[in-house]
Amino acid sequence: MPLIVLWDIDHTLIENSGVSKEIYAAAFAAVADHVPRHPARTEGRTDRLILAEMFRDHGMDPPAWERAVLALEAAGAGREADLAVRGRALPGVREALVAVAAEPGMVSSVLTGNIAANARVKLRAFGLDVLLDMDCGAYGERSEDRAALVKVAREQIQQVHGLPHETPVVLIGDTPRDVQAALDSDAHVVAVASGIHSVDELREAGASMVLPDLRGTAALMRHLRSLADPVD
């Protein structure tokens, strides 16, 4: 049985060191014509939800998404250099992505709250984009609801790669929202305590497997193979 592996980006694959908050602030300012008084609330939210909540936090109605997404793209464009200097790929990430990409039957892509353009900027900054099938990923412009993105990614990958409908899916992420998205969409989950949430918090959210980080590539691959072939 093949396996679809979907990776979150921020605080799972990379540390953006505040660049994301700057992108949201710049997008807000471009649409609202003034700088935000309150920072964006992220923590596993999608870009659609982040921008909508920013405007509500300022007592304003959210703008039409078509306008907001253009502002987000403009704010994120060209930030690779800032990310490369200030941020970093998290420990073990490159080795894990290389291992999954090389595993027969596994399709490795992204499920992220970022819009597609900014997801590419973030991963390109660290040369990680070439290790993932970015064309088949699910991105934050598609829905406010993270769980809905699982269906998007599953259907796209099944169609493009010719996988059977029953192909299992596993989400790898760092927040309780990632865990809940997996539980709500009949997907497996590997939670990674590489963000602000502890191992205990992620277990309490419902994750059956929680890693402190992605440095244990061999253990991660054994687990992923067990999901692809549960009779082993």
Protein backbone atom coordinates (compact mmCIF):
# COMPACT_ATOMS: atom_id res chain seq x y z
CA MET A 1 0.00 0.00 0.00
CA PRO A 2 1.35 3.48 -0.84
CA LEU A 3 1.30 6.28 1.73
CA ILE A 4 0.54 10.00 1.40
CA VAL A 5 2.75 12.06 3.75
CA LEU A 6 1.65 15.66 4.33
CA TRP A 7 3.97 18.06 6.13
CA ASP A 8 3.12 21.27 7.93
CA ILE A 9 5.72 23.99 7.29
CA ASP A 10 6.12 26.58 10.06
CA HIS A 11 7.68 25.16 13.24
CA THR A 12 7.54 21.65 11.76
CA LEU A 13 9.96 22.01 8.84
CA ILE A 14 11.29 25.53 9.40
CA GLU A 15 11.62 28.25 12.01
CA ASN A 16 10.63 31.54 10.35
CA SER A 17 11.88 33.73 13.24
CA GLY A 18 9.14 36.32 12.99
CA VAL A 19 9.09 36.70 9.20
CA SER A 20 5.57 35.24 9.04
CA LYS A 21 4.22 37.81 11.51
CA GLU A 22 5.82 40.55 9.40
CA ILE A 23 4.15 39.21 6.26
CA TYR A 24 0.73 39.24 7.93
CA ALA A 25 1.32 42.74 9.30
CA ALA A 26 2.35 44.04 5.87
CA ALA A 27 -0.65 42.42 4.18
CA PHE A 28 -3.00 43.87 6.79
CA ALA A 29 -1.50 47.35 6.38
CA ALA A 30 -1.79 47.19 2.60
CA VAL A 31 -5.51 46.45 2.83
CA ALA A 32 -6.47 48.44 5.94
CA ASP A 33 -4.28 51.49 5.15
CA HIS A 34 -2.80 51.47 8.66
CA VAL A 35 -0.40 49.27 10.57
CA PRO A 36 -1.94 46.65 12.87
CA ARG A 37 -2.20 47.32 16.60
CA HIS A 38 -2.44 43.61 17.36
CA PRO A 39 -0.20 40.84 15.96
CA ALA A 40 -1.49 37.96 13.90
CA ARG A 41 -2.60 34.89 15.83
CA THR A 42 -1.17 31.88 14.02
CA GLU A 43 -0.62 28.55 15.89
CA GLY A 44 -1.90 26.21 13.20
CA ARG A 45 -4.49 28.53 11.67
CA THR A 46 -4.83 28.90 7.92
CA ASP A 47 -4.02 32.20 6.20
CA ARG A 48 -7.71 32.74 5.46
CA LEU A 49 -8.52 32.48 9.16
CA ILE A 50 -5.47 34.47 10.30
CA LEU A 51 -6.30 37.47 8.12
CA ALA A 52 -10.00 37.33 8.95
CA GLU A 53 -9.25 37.26 12.67
CA MET A 54 -6.74 40.11 12.36
CA PHE A 55 -9.41 42.34 10.90
CA ARG A 56 -11.98 41.29 13.49
CA ASP A 57 -9.43 41.94 16.27
CA HIS A 58 -9.27 45.52 14.96
CA GLY A 59 -13.03 45.93 14.87
CA MET A 60 -13.17 45.66 11.07
CA ASP A 61 -14.94 43.36 8.66
CA PRO A 62 -12.57 41.00 6.85
CA PRO A 63 -11.87 42.05 3.25
CA ALA A 64 -12.82 39.98 0.25
CA TRP A 65 -10.40 37.06 0.11
CA GLU A 66 -9.40 37.90 -3.47
CA ARG A 67 -7.98 41.19 -2.19
CA ALA A 68 -6.41 39.68 0.91
CA VAL A 69 -4.56 36.93 -0.97
CA LEU A 70 -2.98 39.45 -3.35
CA ALA A 71 -1.76 41.43 -0.36
CA LEU A 72 -0.33 38.28 1.23
CA GLU A 73 1.47 37.31 -1.97
CA ALA A 74 2.96 40.79 -2.31
CA ALA A 75 4.04 40.83 1.34
CA GLY A 76 5.72 37.43 1.04
CA ALA A 77 7.41 37.93 -2.31
CA GLY A 78 11.19 38.10 -2.14
CA ARG A 79 11.49 37.20 1.54
CA GLU A 80 13.75 34.20 0.87
CA ALA A 81 16.89 36.14 1.81
CA ASP A 82 15.42 37.34 5.11
CA LEU A 83 14.29 33.82 5.95
CA ALA A 84 17.66 32.31 5.07
CA VAL A 85 19.49 34.79 7.33
CA ARG A 86 17.07 34.90 10.26
CA GLY A 87 15.39 31.50 10.12
CA ARG A 88 16.51 27.91 9.75
CA ALA A 89 15.45 24.45 8.71
CA LEU A 90 14.70 22.57 11.91
CA PRO A 91 16.90 19.70 13.16
CA GLY A 92 16.54 16.48 11.20
CA VAL A 93 14.16 17.96 8.63
CA ARG A 94 16.34 17.66 5.56
CA GLU A 95 17.27 14.08 6.38
CA ALA A 96 13.62 13.15 7.01
CA LEU A 97 12.43 14.71 3.75
CA VAL A 98 15.19 12.99 1.78
CA ALA A 99 14.29 9.63 3.34
CA VAL A 100 10.57 9.94 2.61
CA ALA A 101 11.21 11.18 -0.94
CA ALA A 102 13.39 8.13 -1.59
CA GLU A 103 10.94 5.59 -0.15
CA PRO A 104 9.11 3.59 -2.83
CA GLY A 105 5.36 4.14 -2.68
CA MET A 106 5.43 7.25 -0.49
CA VAL A 107 4.23 10.59 -1.87
CA SER A 108 5.54 13.52 0.16
CA SER A 109 3.76 16.88 -0.06
CA VAL A 110 2.57 19.73 2.17
CA LEU A 111 -0.55 20.59 4.09
CA THR A 112 -0.08 24.11 5.31
CA GLY A 113 -2.06 27.13 6.38
CA ASN A 114 0.20 29.27 4.18
CA ILE A 115 -1.00 30.33 0.77
CA ALA A 116 0.86 28.46 -1.97
CA ALA A 117 3.05 31.39 -3.03
CA ASN A 118 4.34 32.01 0.49
CA ALA A 119 4.75 28.30 1.22
CA ARG A 120 7.08 28.10 -1.77
CA VAL A 121 9.01 31.17 -0.59
CA LYS A 122 9.54 29.65 2.86
CA LEU A 123 10.71 26.26 1.64
CA ARG A 124 12.78 27.68 -1.22
CA ALA A 125 14.74 29.76 1.30
CA PHE A 126 16.22 26.54 2.70
CA GLY A 127 16.24 24.41 -0.46
CA LEU A 128 13.49 22.13 0.87
CA ASP A 129 10.96 22.70 -1.92
CA VAL A 130 12.75 20.28 -4.26
CA LEU A 131 12.23 17.44 -1.76
CA LEU A 132 8.43 17.73 -1.86
CA ASP A 133 5.69 17.48 -4.46
CA MET A 134 4.58 21.08 -4.07
CA ASP A 135 2.11 20.93 -6.96
CA CYS A 136 -0.11 18.42 -5.15
CA GLY A 137 -0.14 20.12 -1.76
CA ALA A 138 -3.03 21.74 0.07
CA TYR A 139 -2.65 25.43 0.90
CA GLY A 140 -4.35 27.98 3.11
CA GLU A 141 -6.15 29.81 0.32
CA ARG A 142 -8.42 26.81 -0.16
CA SER A 143 -10.20 26.90 3.22
CA GLU A 144 -10.28 28.41 6.71
CA ASP A 145 -10.62 24.86 8.03
CA ARG A 146 -7.42 22.83 8.19
CA ALA A 147 -9.28 19.51 8.13
CA ALA A 148 -10.87 20.46 4.80
CA LEU A 149 -7.37 20.75 3.35
CA VAL A 150 -6.75 17.06 4.00
CA LYS A 151 -9.50 16.17 1.53
CA VAL A 152 -8.01 18.60 -1.00
CA ALA A 153 -4.54 17.07 -0.75
CA ARG A 154 -5.79 13.48 -0.68
CA GLU A 155 -7.88 13.87 -3.82
CA GLN A 156 -5.21 15.77 -5.76
CA ILE A 157 -2.46 13.30 -4.92
CA GLN A 158 -4.63 10.27 -5.65
CA GLN A 159 -5.51 11.70 -9.05
CA VAL A 160 -2.05 12.90 -10.07
CA HIS A 161 -0.18 9.84 -8.83
CA GLY A 162 -2.84 7.28 -9.69
CA LEU A 163 -3.18 6.04 -6.11
CA PRO A 164 -6.12 3.97 -4.89
CA HIS A 165 -8.87 5.68 -2.94
CA GLU A 166 -7.99 3.77 0.24
CA THR A 167 -4.38 5.04 0.32
CA PRO A 168 -3.66 6.07 3.92
CA VAL A 169 -2.70 9.64 4.75
CA VAL A 170 -0.47 10.87 7.57
CA LEU A 171 -0.14 14.48 8.69
CA ILE A 172 3.09 15.62 10.33
CA GLY A 173 2.70 18.86 12.30
CA ASP A 174 3.45 20.69 15.51
CA THR A 175 0.12 22.01 16.83
CA PRO A 176 -3.11 20.63 18.30
CA ARG A 177 -4.83 22.00 15.17
CA ASP A 178 -2.73 19.65 13.05
CA VAL A 179 -3.72 16.76 15.30
CA GLN A 180 -7.39 17.71 15.17
CA ALA A 181 -7.31 18.06 11.38
CA ALA A 182 -6.03 14.49 11.13
CA LEU A 183 -8.60 13.15 13.57
CA ASP A 184 -11.42 14.95 11.74
CA SER A 185 -10.38 13.61 8.35
CA ASP A 186 -9.61 9.96 9.08
CA ALA A 187 -5.87 10.50 8.68
CA HIS A 188 -2.95 9.36 10.80
CA VAL A 189 -0.86 11.95 12.59
CA VAL A 190 2.72 12.32 13.76
CA ALA A 191 2.99 15.30 16.08
CA VAL A 192 6.35 17.01 16.53
CA ALA A 193 7.02 19.14 19.61
CA SER A 194 9.24 21.53 17.66
CA GLY A 195 6.95 24.56 18.08
CA ILE A 196 5.38 26.06 21.19
CA HIS A 197 3.38 22.96 22.16
CA SER A 198 4.89 20.33 24.42
CA VAL A 199 4.88 16.57 23.97
CA ASP A 200 2.22 16.31 26.68
CA GLU A 201 -0.01 18.94 25.04
CA LEU A 202 0.16 17.14 21.71
CA ARG A 203 -0.64 13.80 23.32
CA GLU A 204 -3.58 15.36 25.14
CA ALA A 205 -4.80 16.69 21.77
CA GLY A 206 -5.06 13.09 20.58
CA ALA A 207 -1.76 12.31 18.85
CA SER A 208 -0.75 8.69 19.37
CA MET A 209 2.81 9.34 18.18
CA VAL A 210 4.67 12.46 19.33
CA LEU A 211 8.32 13.17 18.58
CA PRO A 212 10.48 15.81 20.27
CA ASP A 213 11.88 16.73 16.84
CA LEU A 214 12.59 15.12 13.47
CA ARG A 215 16.15 13.98 14.17
CA GLY A 216 15.19 10.32 14.58
CA THR A 217 14.85 9.57 10.88
CA ALA A 218 15.12 5.80 11.26
CA ALA A 219 12.34 5.66 13.88
CA LEU A 220 10.13 7.96 11.83
CA MET A 221 10.58 5.83 8.72
CA ARG A 222 9.77 2.63 10.61
CA HIS A 223 6.54 4.23 11.79
CA LEU A 224 5.60 5.50 8.34
CA ARG A 225 6.25 2.08 6.81
CA SER A 226 3.97 0.54 9.44
CA LEU A 227 1.18 2.90 8.37
CA ALA A 228 1.67 1.96 4.72
CA ASP A 229 1.73 -1.76 5.51
CA PRO A 230 0.00 -2.27 8.88
CA VAL A 231 0.24 -6.07 8.71
CA ASP A 232 4.01 -5.94 9.09
